[in-house]
C-alpha cells in the first residue's frame, strides 16, 4: 500500500515539474519574440516617426530629441494586447516615453504612449521659445 502512494506521489511530482518547465519555456519563447519585435528595423521606423512627430527637428542639432535607447527591462507583454516598451531619451532616465507596440493586420504601430513630465515640459518650453 505504501509503495502505491510513493509511486502516485512520484508521478504527481513529475507532472508538476513537466508543467512548470513548459510554462517556463513558453514564457522564454514569448520574451524572445517580444525582443525581436522591439529591436526590429520596423520598430525603429515606428519609434523614429513617433519621435519626429513630437519634435520635428529630432535627431538634428536644433532638436531636443537627440537620441533614444530601448529600456530592455521595460519590455513586457501588455495584458490588453501588444508590447509595452520604454524609450530613454538622450541617455537621461528622467526623459522617457512609454509605448504600447501593436501589430494590426501585419503592420507594427506605436499605440498609446506616456511621456515623462520632464520631457513634456522640455518639449513645451522649446516650442514656446522658438
Protein backbone atom coordinates (compact mmCIF):
# COMPACT_ATOMS: atom_id res chain seq x y z
CA UNK A 1 0.00 0.00 0.00
CA UNK A 2 2.81 2.38 0.94
CA UNK A 3 4.63 1.60 -2.32
CA UNK A 4 1.49 2.55 -4.31
CA UNK A 5 1.37 6.01 -2.62
CA UNK A 6 5.05 6.58 -3.29
CA UNK A 7 4.52 5.79 -6.99
CA UNK A 8 1.48 8.10 -7.19
CA UNK A 9 3.39 10.88 -5.40
CA UNK A 10 6.32 10.41 -7.80
CA UNK A 11 4.01 10.67 -10.83
CA UNK A 12 2.36 13.83 -9.43
CA UNK A 13 5.77 15.46 -8.85
CA UNK A 14 6.91 14.58 -12.39
CA UNK A 15 3.70 16.04 -13.89
CA UNK A 16 4.05 19.25 -11.85
CA UNK A 17 7.71 19.62 -12.92
CA UNK A 18 6.76 18.96 -16.56
CA UNK A 19 4.03 21.63 -16.49
CA UNK A 20 6.41 24.09 -14.81
CA UNK A 21 9.10 23.54 -17.44
CA UNK A 22 6.52 24.01 -20.22
CA UNK A 23 5.33 27.33 -18.75
CA UNK A 24 8.93 28.48 -18.36
CA UNK A 25 9.80 27.58 -21.97
CA UNK A 26 6.64 29.25 -23.32
CA UNK A 27 7.42 32.42 -21.34
CA UNK A 28 11.03 32.40 -22.54
CA UNK A 29 9.91 32.00 -26.18
CA UNK A 30 7.39 34.85 -25.78
CA UNK A 31 10.08 37.10 -24.29
CA UNK A 32 12.45 36.33 -27.20
CA UNK A 33 9.68 37.12 -29.70
CA UNK A 34 8.93 40.45 -27.96
CA UNK A 35 12.65 41.35 -28.02
CA UNK A 36 12.82 40.54 -31.73
CA UNK A 37 9.83 42.81 -32.42
CA UNK A 38 11.04 45.74 -30.29
CA UNK A 39 14.58 45.63 -31.71
CA UNK A 40 13.43 45.16 -35.35
CA UNK A 41 14.00 47.65 -38.16
CA UNK A 42 10.23 48.04 -38.42
CA UNK A 43 10.03 49.08 -34.75
CA UNK A 44 12.93 51.51 -35.27
CA UNK A 45 10.94 53.18 -38.08
CA UNK A 46 7.87 53.42 -35.83
CA UNK A 47 9.88 54.89 -32.94
CA UNK A 48 11.67 57.44 -35.10
CA UNK A 49 8.46 58.50 -36.84
CA UNK A 50 6.70 58.97 -33.49
CA UNK A 51 9.68 60.91 -32.09
CA UNK A 52 9.82 63.24 -35.10
CA UNK A 53 6.08 63.83 -34.63
CA UNK A 54 6.89 65.07 -31.11
CA UNK A 55 9.94 67.09 -32.21
CA UNK A 56 10.09 67.97 -35.91
CA UNK A 57 13.84 68.58 -35.54
CA UNK A 58 14.54 65.31 -33.71
CA UNK A 59 17.99 63.83 -34.35
CA UNK A 60 19.36 67.17 -35.63
CA UNK A 61 21.47 69.78 -33.84
CA UNK A 62 18.42 72.01 -33.33
CA UNK A 63 16.20 69.27 -31.90
CA UNK A 64 15.50 68.39 -28.27
CA UNK A 65 15.36 64.67 -29.03
CA UNK A 66 18.93 63.79 -29.97
CA UNK A 67 18.91 60.05 -29.33
CA UNK A 68 16.93 57.25 -27.77
CA UNK A 69 17.61 53.82 -26.38
CA UNK A 70 15.24 51.00 -25.57
CA UNK A 71 14.98 50.18 -21.87
CA UNK A 72 15.38 46.40 -22.14
CA UNK A 73 13.93 45.86 -18.64
CA UNK A 74 10.71 47.66 -19.64
CA UNK A 75 9.74 45.24 -22.41
CA UNK A 76 6.66 43.40 -21.17
CA UNK A 77 3.53 41.86 -22.63
CA UNK A 78 0.57 44.23 -22.32
CA UNK A 79 -2.46 42.44 -20.80
CA UNK A 80 -4.70 44.24 -23.32
CA UNK A 81 -2.52 43.07 -26.21
CA UNK A 82 0.72 44.32 -27.67
CA UNK A 83 4.07 45.01 -26.04
CA UNK A 84 4.92 47.73 -23.52
CA UNK A 85 8.30 49.37 -24.08
CA UNK A 86 10.04 52.48 -22.71
CA UNK A 87 12.41 54.66 -24.72
CA UNK A 88 15.03 56.60 -22.74
CA UNK A 89 15.67 59.93 -24.45
CA UNK A 90 19.17 61.47 -24.70
CA UNK A 91 20.51 58.92 -22.20
CA UNK A 92 18.56 60.60 -19.37
CA UNK A 93 16.30 58.20 -17.44
CA UNK A 94 14.06 61.13 -16.40
CA UNK A 95 13.29 61.81 -20.07
CA UNK A 96 11.28 58.87 -21.37
CA UNK A 97 8.35 57.82 -23.50
CA UNK A 98 6.42 54.63 -22.82
CA UNK A 99 4.74 53.00 -25.82
CA UNK A 100 2.42 50.10 -26.37
CA UNK A 101 3.51 48.48 -29.63
CA UNK A 102 0.75 46.75 -31.57
CA UNK A 103 0.60 44.66 -34.69
CA UNK A 104 -2.57 45.32 -36.69
CA UNK A 105 -3.04 43.50 -39.99
CA UNK A 106 0.65 42.69 -40.14
CA UNK A 107 1.75 46.31 -39.63
CA UNK A 108 3.61 47.34 -36.49
CA UNK A 109 2.48 50.58 -34.87
CA UNK A 110 3.15 52.53 -31.71
CA UNK A 111 -0.18 52.70 -29.92
CA UNK A 112 -0.77 54.51 -26.66
CA UNK A 113 2.10 56.50 -25.24
CA UNK A 114 3.02 58.23 -21.99
CA UNK A 115 5.65 60.97 -21.98
CA UNK A 116 7.51 61.80 -18.78
CA UNK A 117 6.66 65.08 -17.13
CA UNK A 118 10.20 66.43 -17.59
CA UNK A 119 10.25 65.58 -21.29
CA UNK A 120 6.79 67.09 -21.82
CA UNK A 121 7.94 70.29 -20.10
CA UNK A 122 11.19 70.37 -22.07
CA UNK A 123 9.35 69.97 -25.39
CA UNK A 124 6.70 72.54 -24.35
CA UNK A 125 9.30 75.13 -23.29
CA UNK A 126 11.20 74.56 -26.51
CA UNK A 127 8.06 75.05 -28.64
CA UNK A 128 7.21 78.31 -26.82
CA UNK A 129 10.71 79.74 -27.27
CA UNK A 130 11.33 79.00 -30.91
